[in-house]
PDB file of N, CA and C in Angstrom:
ATOM      1  N   MET A   1     -51.966 -54.603 117.327  1.00  0.00           N
ATOM      2  CA  MET A   1     -51.866 -54.503 115.888  1.00  0.00           C
ATOM      3  C   MET A   1     -51.054 -53.261 115.518  1.00  0.00           C
ATOM      4  N   VAL A   2     -50.127 -53.415 114.619  1.00  0.00           N
ATOM      5  CA  VAL A   2     -49.291 -52.317 114.162  1.00  0.00           C
ATOM      6  C   VAL A   2     -49.887 -51.759 112.879  1.00  0.00           C
ATOM      7  N   GLU A   3     -50.060 -50.452 112.862  1.00  0.00           N
ATOM      8  CA  GLU A   3     -50.603 -49.819 111.655  1.00  0.00           C
ATOM      9  C   GLU A   3     -49.504 -49.673 110.614  1.00  0.00           C
ATOM     10  N   ALA A   4     -49.867 -49.942 109.389  1.00  0.00           N
ATOM     11  CA  ALA A   4     -48.916 -49.770 108.297  1.00  0.00           C
ATOM     12  C   ALA A   4     -48.799 -48.290 107.970  1.00  0.00           C
ATOM     13  N   THR A   5     -47.593 -47.860 107.759  1.00  0.00           N
ATOM     14  CA  THR A   5     -47.384 -46.469 107.358  1.00  0.00           C
ATOM     15  C   THR A   5     -46.825 -46.453 105.945  1.00  0.00           C
ATOM     16  N   THR A   6     -47.212 -45.456 105.205  1.00  0.00           N
ATOM     17  CA  THR A   6     -46.725 -45.310 103.841  1.00  0.00           C
ATOM     18  C   THR A   6     -45.718 -44.177 103.814  1.00  0.00           C
ATOM     19  N   LYS A   7     -44.502 -44.502 103.433  1.00  0.00           N
ATOM     20  CA  LYS A   7     -43.468 -43.486 103.305  1.00  0.00           C
ATOM     21  C   LYS A   7     -43.292 -43.167 101.832  1.00  0.00           C
ATOM     22  N   LYS A   8     -43.324 -41.905 101.532  1.00  0.00           N
ATOM     23  CA  LYS A   8     -43.054 -41.513 100.150  1.00  0.00           C
ATOM     24  C   LYS A   8     -41.544 -41.430  99.983  1.00  0.00           C
ATOM     25  N   GLN A   9     -41.094 -41.832  98.832  1.00  0.00           N
ATOM     26  CA  GLN A   9     -39.672 -41.834  98.533  1.00  0.00           C
ATOM     27  C   GLN A   9     -39.208 -40.413  98.210  1.00  0.00           C
ATOM     28  N   LEU A  10     -38.006 -40.097  98.661  1.00  0.00           N
ATOM     29  CA  LEU A  10     -37.423 -38.816  98.311  1.00  0.00           C
ATOM     30  C   LEU A  10     -37.106 -38.825  96.823  1.00  0.00           C
ATOM     31  N   CYS A  11     -37.653 -37.870  96.113  1.00  0.00           N
ATOM     32  CA  CYS A  11     -37.401 -37.707  94.683  1.00  0.00           C
ATOM     33  C   CYS A  11     -36.530 -36.473  94.503  1.00  0.00           C
ATOM     34  N   GLU A  12     -35.472 -36.624  93.762  1.00  0.00           N
ATOM     35  CA  GLU A  12     -34.571 -35.501  93.518  1.00  0.00           C
ATOM     36  C   GLU A  12     -34.377 -35.310  92.023  1.00  0.00           C
ATOM     37  N   ALA A  13     -34.085 -34.081  91.661  1.00  0.00           N
ATOM     38  CA  ALA A  13     -33.817 -33.764  90.264  1.00  0.00           C
ATOM     39  C   ALA A  13     -32.846 -32.598  90.192  1.00  0.00           C
ATOM     40  N   PHE A  14     -32.064 -32.601  89.148  1.00  0.00           N
ATOM     41  CA  PHE A  14     -31.232 -31.449  88.825  1.00  0.00           C
ATOM     42  C   PHE A  14     -31.972 -30.694  87.732  1.00  0.00           C
ATOM     43  N   VAL A  15     -32.225 -29.419  87.959  1.00  0.00           N
ATOM     44  CA  VAL A  15     -32.973 -28.605  87.010  1.00  0.00           C
ATOM     45  C   VAL A  15     -32.013 -27.606  86.376  1.00  0.00           C
ATOM     46  N   CYS A  16     -31.862 -27.717  85.062  1.00  0.00           N
ATOM     47  CA  CYS A  16     -31.025 -26.789  84.295  1.00  0.00           C
ATOM     48  C   CYS A  16     -31.946 -25.711  83.744  1.00  0.00           C
ATOM     49  N   ILE A  17     -31.608 -24.457  84.011  1.00  0.00           N
ATOM     50  CA  ILE A  17     -32.514 -23.346  83.712  1.00  0.00           C
ATOM     51  C   ILE A  17     -31.851 -22.350  82.760  1.00  0.00           C
ATOM     52  N   LYS A  18     -32.548 -22.040  81.671  1.00  0.00           N
ATOM     53  CA  LYS A  18     -32.157 -20.932  80.797  1.00  0.00           C
ATOM     54  C   LYS A  18     -33.004 -19.737  81.215  1.00  0.00           C
ATOM     55  N   THR A  19     -32.379 -18.591  81.379  1.00  0.00           N
ATOM     56  CA  THR A  19     -33.111 -17.397  81.773  1.00  0.00           C
ATOM     57  C   THR A  19     -33.182 -16.404  80.621  1.00  0.00           C
ATOM     58  N   GLU A  20     -34.075 -15.460  80.781  1.00  0.00           N
ATOM     59  CA  GLU A  20     -34.092 -14.317  79.871  1.00  0.00           C
ATOM     60  C   GLU A  20     -32.824 -13.498  80.161  1.00  0.00           C
ATOM     61  N   PRO A  21     -32.273 -12.823  79.162  1.00  0.00           N
ATOM     62  CA  PRO A  21     -31.074 -12.016  79.397  1.00  0.00           C
ATOM     63  C   PRO A  21     -31.280 -11.015  80.545  1.00  0.00           C
ATOM     64  N   GLY A  22     -30.319 -10.983  81.450  1.00  0.00           N
ATOM     65  CA  GLY A  22     -30.374 -10.058  82.577  1.00  0.00           C
ATOM     66  C   GLY A  22     -31.115 -10.579  83.803  1.00  0.00           C
ATOM     67  N   PHE A  23     -31.715 -11.762  83.723  1.00  0.00           N
ATOM     68  CA  PHE A  23     -32.486 -12.315  84.843  1.00  0.00           C
ATOM     69  C   PHE A  23     -31.727 -13.393  85.625  1.00  0.00           C
ATOM     70  N   GLU A  24     -30.472 -13.624  85.318  1.00  0.00           N
ATOM     71  CA  GLU A  24     -29.726 -14.705  85.942  1.00  0.00           C
ATOM     72  C   GLU A  24     -29.705 -14.597  87.475  1.00  0.00           C
ATOM     73  N   ASP A  25     -29.328 -13.443  88.000  1.00  0.00           N
ATOM     74  CA  ASP A  25     -29.243 -13.266  89.451  1.00  0.00           C
ATOM     75  C   ASP A  25     -30.609 -13.361  90.117  1.00  0.00           C
ATOM     76  N   ARG A  26     -31.601 -12.759  89.505  1.00  0.00           N
ATOM     77  CA  ARG A  26     -32.950 -12.787  90.079  1.00  0.00           C
ATOM     78  C   ARG A  26     -33.485 -14.221  90.155  1.00  0.00           C
ATOM     79  N   VAL A  27     -33.331 -14.979  89.070  1.00  0.00           N
ATOM     80  CA  VAL A  27     -33.798 -16.363  89.056  1.00  0.00           C
ATOM     81  C   VAL A  27     -33.012 -17.185  90.071  1.00  0.00           C
ATOM     82  N   LEU A  28     -31.704 -17.022  90.108  1.00  0.00           N
ATOM     83  CA  LEU A  28     -30.876 -17.756  91.060  1.00  0.00           C
ATOM     84  C   LEU A  28     -31.335 -17.504  92.498  1.00  0.00           C
ATOM     85  N   ASN A  29     -31.539 -16.254  92.864  1.00  0.00           N
ATOM     86  CA  ASN A  29     -31.955 -15.917  94.229  1.00  0.00           C
ATOM     87  C   ASN A  29     -33.357 -16.438  94.545  1.00  0.00           C
ATOM     88  N   THR A  30     -34.263 -16.377  93.581  1.00  0.00           N
ATOM     89  CA  THR A  30     -35.620 -16.885  93.794  1.00  0.00           C
ATOM     90  C   THR A  30     -35.601 -18.400  93.970  1.00  0.00           C
ATOM     91  N   VAL A  31     -34.842 -19.081  93.133  1.00  0.00           N
ATOM     92  CA  VAL A  31     -34.730 -20.539  93.223  1.00  0.00           C
ATOM     93  C   VAL A  31     -34.112 -20.935  94.565  1.00  0.00           C
ATOM     94  N   ARG A  32     -33.059 -20.244  94.970  1.00  0.00           N
ATOM     95  CA  ARG A  32     -32.416 -20.551  96.256  1.00  0.00           C
ATOM     96  C   ARG A  32     -33.362 -20.360  97.440  1.00  0.00           C
ATOM     97  N   GLY A  33     -34.366 -19.519  97.284  1.00  0.00           N
ATOM     98  CA  GLY A  33     -35.323 -19.268  98.351  1.00  0.00           C
ATOM     99  C   GLY A  33     -36.420 -20.319  98.478  1.00  0.00           C
ATOM    100  N   MET A  34     -36.479 -21.260  97.542  1.00  0.00           N
ATOM    101  CA  MET A  34     -37.497 -22.309  97.591  1.00  0.00           C
ATOM    102  C   MET A  34     -37.091 -23.367  98.618  1.00  0.00           C
ATOM    103  N   GLU A  35     -38.043 -23.800  99.425  1.00  0.00           N
ATOM    104  CA  GLU A  35     -37.772 -24.791 100.466  1.00  0.00           C
ATOM    105  C   GLU A  35     -37.246 -26.111  99.896  1.00  0.00           C
ATOM    106  N   SER A  36     -37.734 -26.497  98.737  1.00  0.00           N
ATOM    107  CA  SER A  36     -37.353 -27.779  98.149  1.00  0.00           C
ATOM    108  C   SER A  36     -35.990 -27.759  97.459  1.00  0.00           C
ATOM    109  N   VAL A  37     -35.412 -26.584  97.277  1.00  0.00           N
ATOM    110  CA  VAL A  37     -34.122 -26.472  96.599  1.00  0.00           C
ATOM    111  C   VAL A  37     -32.999 -26.694  97.603  1.00  0.00           C
ATOM    112  N   LYS A  38     -32.206 -27.733  97.356  1.00  0.00           N
ATOM    113  CA  LYS A  38     -31.107 -28.092  98.248  1.00  0.00           C
ATOM    114  C   LYS A  38     -29.858 -27.266  97.969  1.00  0.00           C
ATOM    115  N   GLU A  39     -29.631 -26.955  96.706  1.00  0.00           N
ATOM    116  CA  GLU A  39     -28.516 -26.104  96.306  1.00  0.00           C
ATOM    117  C   GLU A  39     -28.787 -25.573  94.902  1.00  0.00           C
ATOM    118  N   ALA A  40     -28.211 -24.418  94.587  1.00  0.00           N
ATOM    119  CA  ALA A  40     -28.380 -23.820  93.260  1.00  0.00           C
ATOM    120  C   ALA A  40     -27.154 -22.978  92.937  1.00  0.00           C
ATOM    121  N   TYR A  41     -26.779 -23.000  91.674  1.00  0.00           N
ATOM    122  CA  TYR A  41     -25.569 -22.305  91.237  1.00  0.00           C
ATOM    123  C   TYR A  41     -25.813 -21.606  89.910  1.00  0.00           C
ATOM    124  N   GLN A  42     -25.149 -20.463  89.727  1.00  0.00           N
ATOM    125  CA  GLN A  42     -25.113 -19.834  88.415  1.00  0.00           C
ATOM    126  C   GLN A  42     -23.997 -20.526  87.643  1.00  0.00           C
ATOM    127  N   VAL A  43     -24.290 -20.904  86.409  1.00  0.00           N
ATOM    128  CA  VAL A  43     -23.312 -21.600  85.582  1.00  0.00           C
ATOM    129  C   VAL A  43     -23.193 -20.881  84.242  1.00  0.00           C
ATOM    130  N   TYR A  44     -22.162 -21.219  83.504  1.00  0.00           N
ATOM    131  CA  TYR A  44     -21.937 -20.585  82.213  1.00  0.00           C
ATOM    132  C   TYR A  44     -21.932 -21.657  81.138  1.00  0.00           C
ATOM    133  N   GLY A  45     -22.630 -21.403  80.057  1.00  0.00           N
ATOM    134  CA  GLY A  45     -22.749 -22.365  78.970  1.00  0.00           C
ATOM    135  C   GLY A  45     -24.164 -22.335  78.429  1.00  0.00           C
ATOM    136  N   VAL A  46     -24.686 -23.495  78.114  1.00  0.00           N
ATOM    137  CA  VAL A  46     -26.027 -23.601  77.538  1.00  0.00           C
ATOM    138  C   VAL A  46     -27.083 -23.116  78.534  1.00  0.00           C
ATOM    139  N   TYR A  47     -26.882 -23.394  79.828  1.00  0.00           N
ATOM    140  CA  TYR A  47     -27.837 -23.007  80.869  1.00  0.00           C
ATOM    141  C   TYR A  47     -27.223 -21.925  81.742  1.00  0.00           C
ATOM    142  N   ASP A  48     -28.083 -21.221  82.467  1.00  0.00           N
ATOM    143  CA  ASP A  48     -27.638 -20.117  83.318  1.00  0.00           C
ATOM    144  C   ASP A  48     -27.632 -20.469  84.798  1.00  0.00           C
ATOM    145  N   VAL A  49     -28.532 -21.364  85.201  1.00  0.00           N
ATOM    146  CA  VAL A  49     -28.667 -21.773  86.602  1.00  0.00           C
ATOM    147  C   VAL A  49     -28.898 -23.281  86.636  1.00  0.00           C
ATOM    148  N   VAL A  50     -28.281 -23.944  87.615  1.00  0.00           N
ATOM    149  CA  VAL A  50     -28.544 -25.361  87.868  1.00  0.00           C
ATOM    150  C   VAL A  50     -28.926 -25.493  89.340  1.00  0.00           C
ATOM    151  N   ALA A  51     -30.051 -26.194  89.589  1.00  0.00           N
ATOM    152  CA  ALA A  51     -30.542 -26.368  90.951  1.00  0.00           C
ATOM    153  C   ALA A  51     -30.787 -27.843  91.239  1.00  0.00           C
ATOM    154  N   ARG A  52     -30.501 -28.249  92.488  1.00  0.00           N
ATOM    155  CA  ARG A  52     -30.853 -29.601  92.938  1.00  0.00           C
ATOM    156  C   ARG A  52     -32.101 -29.474  93.796  1.00  0.00           C
ATOM    157  N   VAL A  53     -33.179 -30.109  93.339  1.00  0.00           N
ATOM    158  CA  VAL A  53     -34.480 -30.023  94.006  1.00  0.00           C
ATOM    159  C   VAL A  53     -34.811 -31.386  94.593  1.00  0.00           C
ATOM    160  N   GLY A  54     -35.310 -31.406  95.830  1.00  0.00           N
ATOM    161  CA  GLY A  54     -35.682 -32.658  96.468  1.00  0.00           C
ATOM    162  C   GLY A  54     -37.021 -32.551  97.176  1.00  0.00           C
ATOM    163  N   CYS A  55     -37.912 -33.507  96.923  1.00  0.00           N
ATOM    164  CA  CYS A  55     -39.249 -33.537  97.529  1.00  0.00           C
ATOM    165  C   CYS A  55     -39.619 -34.982  97.814  1.00  0.00           C
ATOM    166  N   TYR A  56     -40.544 -35.168  98.746  1.00  0.00           N
ATOM    167  CA  TYR A  56     -41.065 -36.503  99.003  1.00  0.00           C
ATOM    168  C   TYR A  56     -42.269 -36.735  98.101  1.00  0.00           C
ATOM    169  N   GLY A  57     -42.086 -37.593  97.103  1.00  0.00           N
ATOM    170  CA  GLY A  57     -43.138 -37.908  96.156  1.00  0.00           C
ATOM    171  C   GLY A  57     -42.918 -37.208  94.830  1.00  0.00           C
ATOM    172  N   LEU A  58     -43.138 -37.954  93.759  1.00  0.00           N
ATOM    173  CA  LEU A  58     -42.937 -37.421  92.415  1.00  0.00           C
ATOM    174  C   LEU A  58     -43.919 -36.307  92.090  1.00  0.00           C
ATOM    175  N   ASP A  59     -45.156 -36.403  92.583  1.00  0.00           N
ATOM    176  CA  ASP A  59     -46.142 -35.350  92.315  1.00  0.00           C
ATOM    177  C   ASP A  59     -45.683 -34.012  92.884  1.00  0.00           C
ATOM    178  N   LYS A  60     -45.119 -34.036  94.086  1.00  0.00           N
ATOM    179  CA  LYS A  60     -44.623 -32.800  94.711  1.00  0.00           C
ATOM    180  C   LYS A  60     -43.441 -32.248  93.914  1.00  0.00           C
ATOM    181  N   LEU A  61     -42.557 -33.148  93.474  1.00  0.00           N
ATOM    182  CA  LEU A  61     -41.413 -32.713  92.678  1.00  0.00           C
ATOM    183  C   LEU A  61     -41.872 -32.060  91.378  1.00  0.00           C
ATOM    184  N   LYS A  62     -42.829 -32.699  90.694  1.00  0.00           N
ATOM    185  CA  LYS A  62     -43.360 -32.124  89.456  1.00  0.00           C
ATOM    186  C   LYS A  62     -43.970 -30.755  89.703  1.00  0.00           C
ATOM    187  N   ALA A  63     -44.692 -30.610  90.816  1.00  0.00           N
ATOM    188  CA  ALA A  63     -45.318 -29.316  91.139  1.00  0.00           C
ATOM    189  C   ALA A  63     -44.269 -28.242  91.397  1.00  0.00           C
ATOM    190  N   GLU A  64     -43.197 -28.603  92.090  1.00  0.00           N
ATOM    191  CA  GLU A  64     -42.137 -27.627  92.390  1.00  0.00           C
ATOM    192  C   GLU A  64     -41.436 -27.145  91.127  1.00  0.00           C
ATOM    193  N   ILE A  65     -41.390 -28.007  90.130  1.00  0.00           N
ATOM    194  CA  ILE A  65     -40.689 -27.647  88.896  1.00  0.00           C
ATOM    195  C   ILE A  65     -41.646 -27.120  87.831  1.00  0.00           C
ATOM    196  N   ALA A  66     -42.730 -27.859  87.574  1.00  0.00           N
ATOM    197  CA  ALA A  66     -43.609 -27.526  86.447  1.00  0.00           C
ATOM    198  C   ALA A  66     -44.969 -26.998  86.868  1.00  0.00           C
ATOM    199  N   GLY A  67     -45.223 -26.861  88.155  1.00  0.00           N
ATOM    200  CA  GLY A  67     -46.520 -26.388  88.625  1.00  0.00           C
ATOM    201  C   GLY A  67     -46.714 -24.897  88.438  1.00  0.00           C
ATOM    202  N   LYS A  68     -47.898 -24.432  88.777  1.00  0.00           N
ATOM    203  CA  LYS A  68     -48.264 -23.017  88.609  1.00  0.00           C
ATOM    204  C   LYS A  68     -47.258 -22.079  89.285  1.00  0.00           C
ATOM    205  N   ASN A  69     -46.784 -22.458  90.474  1.00  0.00           N
ATOM    206  CA  ASN A  69     -45.816 -21.630  91.205  1.00  0.00           C
ATOM    207  C   ASN A  69     -44.418 -22.233  91.175  1.00  0.00           C
ATOM    208  N   GLY A  70     -44.176 -23.119  90.220  1.00  0.00           N
ATOM    209  CA  GLY A  70     -42.894 -23.798  90.128  1.00  0.00           C
ATOM    210  C   GLY A  70     -41.848 -23.010  89.363  1.00  0.00           C
ATOM    211  N   ILE A  71     -40.694 -23.611  89.263  1.00  0.00           N
ATOM    212  CA  ILE A  71     -39.550 -22.975  88.605  1.00  0.00           C
ATOM    213  C   ILE A  71     -39.873 -22.579  87.172  1.00  0.00           C
ATOM    214  N   ASN A  72     -40.564 -23.448  86.433  1.00  0.00           N
ATOM    215  CA  ASN A  72     -40.868 -23.159  85.022  1.00  0.00           C
ATOM    216  C   ASN A  72     -41.626 -21.849  84.831  1.00  0.00           C
ATOM    217  N   ASN A  73     -42.423 -21.475  85.809  1.00  0.00           N
ATOM    218  CA  ASN A  73     -43.272 -20.289  85.660  1.00  0.00           C
ATOM    219  C   ASN A  73     -42.744 -19.059  86.379  1.00  0.00           C
ATOM    220  N   MET A  74     -41.503 -19.105  86.827  1.00  0.00           N
ATOM    221  CA  MET A  74     -40.897 -17.932  87.466  1.00  0.00           C
ATOM    222  C   MET A  74     -40.621 -16.845  86.437  1.00  0.00           C
ATOM    223  N   LEU A  75     -40.732 -15.623  86.893  1.00  0.00           N
ATOM    224  CA  LEU A  75     -40.382 -14.491  86.050  1.00  0.00           C
ATOM    225  C   LEU A  75     -38.921 -14.612  85.634  1.00  0.00           C
ATOM    226  N   GLY A  76     -38.661 -14.545  84.348  1.00  0.00           N
ATOM    227  CA  GLY A  76     -37.298 -14.588  83.840  1.00  0.00           C
ATOM    228  C   GLY A  76     -36.829 -15.961  83.403  1.00  0.00           C
ATOM    229  N   VAL A  77     -37.623 -17.010  83.647  1.00  0.00           N
ATOM    230  CA  VAL A  77     -37.236 -18.356  83.211  1.00  0.00           C
ATOM    231  C   VAL A  77     -37.729 -18.566  81.785  1.00  0.00           C
ATOM    232  N   ARG A  78     -36.804 -18.893  80.903  1.00  0.00           N
ATOM    233  CA  ARG A  78     -37.136 -19.108  79.494  1.00  0.00           C
ATOM    234  C   ARG A  78     -37.395 -20.587  79.210  1.00  0.00           C
ATOM    235  N   GLU A  79     -36.568 -21.461  79.764  1.00  0.00           N
ATOM    236  CA  GLU A  79     -36.647 -22.884  79.441  1.00  0.00           C
ATOM    237  C   GLU A  79     -35.972 -23.678  80.549  1.00  0.00           C
ATOM    238  N   THR A  80     -36.438 -24.919  80.780  1.00  0.00           N
ATOM    239  CA  THR A  80     -35.788 -25.786  81.763  1.00  0.00           C
ATOM    240  C   THR A  80     -35.583 -27.182  81.194  1.00  0.00           C
ATOM    241  N   ARG A  81     -34.638 -27.877  81.779  1.00  0.00           N
ATOM    242  CA  ARG A  81     -34.418 -29.303  81.500  1.00  0.00           C
ATOM    243  C   ARG A  81     -34.268 -29.957  82.862  1.00  0.00           C
ATOM    244  N   CYS A  82     -35.100 -30.947  83.123  1.00  0.00           N
ATOM    245  CA  CYS A  82     -35.111 -31.632  84.415  1.00  0.00           C
ATOM    246  C   CYS A  82     -34.467 -32.998  84.270  1.00  0.00           C
ATOM    247  N   LEU A  83     -33.447 -33.264  85.070  1.00  0.00           N
ATOM    248  CA  LEU A  83     -32.770 -34.547  85.079  1.00  0.00           C
ATOM    249  C   LEU A  83     -33.073 -35.205  86.414  1.00  0.00           C
ATOM    250  N   SER A  84     -34.051 -36.090  86.416  1.00  0.00           N
ATOM    251  CA  SER A  84     -34.487 -36.723  87.656  1.00  0.00           C
ATOM    252  C   SER A  84     -33.503 -37.782  88.107  1.00  0.00           C
ATOM    253  N   VAL A  85     -33.379 -37.929  89.413  1.00  0.00           N
ATOM    254  CA  VAL A  85     -32.551 -38.959  90.009  1.00  0.00           C
ATOM    255  C   VAL A  85     -33.476 -40.107  90.361  1.00  0.00           C
ATOM    256  N   GLY A  86     -33.297 -41.264  89.742  1.00  0.00           N
ATOM    257  CA  GLY A  86     -34.176 -42.402  89.991  1.00  0.00           C
ATOM    258  C   GLY A  86     -35.359 -42.411  89.052  1.00  0.00           C
ATOM    259  N   ARG A  87     -36.295 -43.351  89.332  1.00  0.00           N
ATOM    260  CA  ARG A  87     -37.458 -43.517  88.464  1.00  0.00           C
ATOM    261  C   ARG A  87     -38.708 -43.683  89.294  1.00  0.00           C
ATOM    262  N   ASP A  88     -39.825 -43.302  88.737  1.00  0.00           N
ATOM    263  CA  ASP A  88     -41.105 -43.564  89.394  1.00  0.00           C
ATOM    264  C   ASP A  88     -41.686 -44.854  88.817  1.00  0.00           C
ATOM    265  N   LYS A  89     -42.868 -45.232  89.270  1.00  0.00           N
ATOM    266  CA  LYS A  89     -43.484 -46.490  88.848  1.00  0.00           C
ATOM    267  C   LYS A  89     -43.745 -46.561  87.348  1.00  0.00           C
ATOM    268  N   ASP A  90     -43.866 -45.420  86.681  1.00  0.00           N
ATOM    269  CA  ASP A  90     -44.125 -45.394  85.242  1.00  0.00           C
ATOM    270  C   ASP A  90     -42.838 -45.328  84.430  1.00  0.00           C
ATOM    271  N   GLY A  91     -41.704 -45.268  85.106  1.00  0.00           N
ATOM    272  CA  GLY A  91     -40.436 -45.216  84.396  1.00  0.00           C
ATOM    273  C   GLY A  91     -40.040 -43.834  83.935  1.00  0.00           C
ATOM    274  N   VAL A  92     -40.758 -42.808  84.347  1.00  0.00           N
ATOM    275  CA  VAL A  92     -40.411 -41.454  83.928  1.00  0.00           C
ATOM    276  C   VAL A  92     -39.147 -41.027  84.662  1.00  0.00           C
ATOM    277  N   ILE A  93     -38.132 -40.637  83.930  1.00  0.00           N
ATOM    278  CA  ILE A  93     -36.904 -40.206  84.576  1.00  0.00           C
ATOM    279  C   ILE A  93     -36.622 -38.722  84.362  1.00  0.00           C
ATOM    280  N   GLY A  94     -37.410 -38.063  83.577  1.00  0.00           N
ATOM    281  CA  GLY A  94     -37.160 -36.646  83.387  1.00  0.00           C
ATOM    282  C   GLY A  94     -38.263 -35.978  82.602  1.00  0.00           C
ATOM    283  N   PHE A  95     -38.307 -34.671  82.693  1.00  0.00           N
ATOM    284  CA  PHE A  95     -39.227 -33.912  81.881  1.00  0.00           C
ATOM    285  C   PHE A  95     -38.638 -32.545  81.637  1.00  0.00           C
ATOM    286  N   ALA A  96     -39.069 -31.926  80.572  1.00  0.00           N
ATOM    287  CA  ALA A  96     -38.495 -30.642  80.177  1.00  0.00           C
ATOM    288  C   ALA A  96     -39.588 -29.726  79.670  1.00  0.00           C
ATOM    289  N   THR A  97     -39.303 -28.439  79.675  1.00  0.00           N
ATOM    290  CA  THR A  97     -40.218 -27.480  79.070  1.00  0.00           C
ATOM    291  C   THR A  97     -39.460 -26.677  78.032  1.00  0.00           C
ATOM    292  N   ASN A  98     -40.158 -26.296  76.990  1.00  0.00           N
ATOM    293  CA  ASN A  98     -39.531 -25.464  75.977  1.00  0.00           C
ATOM    294  C   ASN A  98     -39.909 -24.007  76.209  1.00  0.00           C
ATOM    295  N   GLU A  99     -39.520 -23.140  75.297  1.00  0.00           N
ATOM    296  CA  GLU A  99     -39.789 -21.709  75.469  1.00  0.00           C
ATOM    297  C   GLU A  99     -41.273 -21.386  75.526  1.00  0.00           C
ATOM    298  N   ASN A 100     -42.124 -22.269  75.000  1.00  0.00           N
ATOM    299  CA  ASN A 100     -43.573 -22.060  75.035  1.00  0.00           C
ATOM    300  C   ASN A 100     -44.212 -22.665  76.278  1.00  0.00           C
ATOM    301  N   LYS A 101     -43.374 -23.116  77.228  1.00  0.00           N
ATOM    302  CA  LYS A 101     -43.825 -23.714  78.496  1.00  0.00           C
ATOM    303  C   LYS A 101     -44.592 -25.011  78.285  1.00  0.00           C
ATOM    304  N   GLU A 102     -44.323 -25.712  77.171  1.00  0.00           N
ATOM    305  CA  GLU A 102     -44.935 -27.007  76.907  1.00  0.00           C
ATOM    306  C   GLU A 102     -44.069 -28.074  77.570  1.00  0.00           C
ATOM    307  N   THR A 103     -44.690 -29.000  78.301  1.00  0.00           N
ATOM    308  CA  THR A 103     -43.951 -30.032  79.027  1.00  0.00           C
ATOM    309  C   THR A 103     -43.851 -31.300  78.209  1.00  0.00           C
ATOM    310  N   THR A 104     -42.668 -31.872  78.179  1.00  0.00           N
ATOM    311  CA  THR A 104     -42.402 -33.134  77.511  1.00  0.00           C
ATOM    312  C   THR A 104     -41.791 -34.076  78.534  1.00  0.00           C
ATOM    313  N   TYR A 105     -42.286 -35.313  78.613  1.00  0.00           N
ATOM    314  CA  TYR A 105     -41.744 -36.310  79.524  1.00  0.00           C
ATOM    315  C   TYR A 105     -40.780 -37.211  78.769  1.00  0.00           C
ATOM    316  N   ILE A 106     -39.671 -37.537  79.383  1.00  0.00           N
ATOM    317  CA  ILE A 106     -38.638 -38.358  78.757  1.00  0.00           C
ATOM    318  C   ILE A 106     -38.583 -39.688  79.504  1.00  0.00           C
ATOM    319  N   HIS A 107     -38.761 -40.791  78.797  1.00  0.00           N
ATOM    320  CA  HIS A 107     -38.772 -42.117  79.406  1.00  0.00           C
ATOM    321  C   HIS A 107     -37.381 -42.749  79.333  1.00  0.00           C
ATOM    322  N   PRO A 108     -37.147 -43.808  80.110  1.00  0.00           N
ATOM    323  CA  PRO A 108     -35.820 -44.421  80.170  1.00  0.00           C
ATOM    324  C   PRO A 108     -35.253 -44.853  78.827  1.00  0.00           C
ATOM    325  N   CYS A 109     -36.109 -45.171  77.875  1.00  0.00           N
ATOM    326  CA  CYS A 109     -35.609 -45.578  76.565  1.00  0.00           C
ATOM    327  C   CYS A 109     -35.128 -44.373  75.761  1.00  0.00           C
ATOM    328  N   LEU A 110     -35.214 -43.197  76.363  1.00  0.00           N
ATOM    329  CA  LEU A 110     -34.769 -41.924  75.785  1.00  0.00           C
ATOM    330  C   LEU A 110     -35.603 -41.468  74.596  1.00  0.00           C
ATOM    331  N   LYS A 111     -36.803 -42.007  74.488  1.00  0.00           N
ATOM    332  CA  LYS A 111     -37.732 -41.493  73.495  1.00  0.00           C
ATOM    333  C   LYS A 111     -38.542 -40.374  74.160  1.00  0.00           C
ATOM    334  N   THR A 112     -38.986 -39.446  73.378  1.00  0.00           N
ATOM    335  CA  THR A 112     -39.772 -38.347  73.901  1.00  0.00           C
ATOM    336  C   THR A 112     -41.237 -38.663  73.730  1.00  0.00           C
ATOM    337  N   VAL A 113     -42.023 -38.432  74.762  1.00  0.00           N
ATOM    338  CA  VAL A 113     -43.459 -38.709  74.746  1.00  0.00           C
ATOM    339  C   VAL A 113     -44.187 -37.401  74.959  1.00  0.00           C
ATOM    340  N   GLU A 114     -44.966 -36.986  73.980  1.00  0.00           N
ATOM    341  CA  GLU A 114     -45.748 -35.766  74.099  1.00  0.00           C
ATOM    342  C   GLU A 114     -46.942 -35.996  75.012  1.00  0.00           C
ATOM    343  N   THR A 115     -47.267 -35.005  75.853  1.00  0.00           N
ATOM    344  CA  THR A 115     -48.428 -35.134  76.736  1.00  0.00           C
ATOM    345  C   THR A 115     -49.442 -34.067  76.410  1.00  0.00           C
TER     346      THR A 115
END
């Protein structure tokens, strides 16, 4: 008898990060040091840093971005916008935090759902 194995799907997201003034380099270096971060760059415009994050399972991805020790709660991070690659079973394709660290989930129909 062959045992069934459950493979979690690789979930990836691009995280656009606004920093507090003067924290760009610190946030960039901290983000680059995270195991789940595949690449990160300092950018100029609306956001200061963009990172590609990849984890096995949506729960792990959410924790890396919005969890207690995630990107959203790093010193110097003011706001994030998460652009997920793909969809989970509930159709959630992205989530964002505002300056008050409140999380909003964005569904494929592009309506915002408060949680």
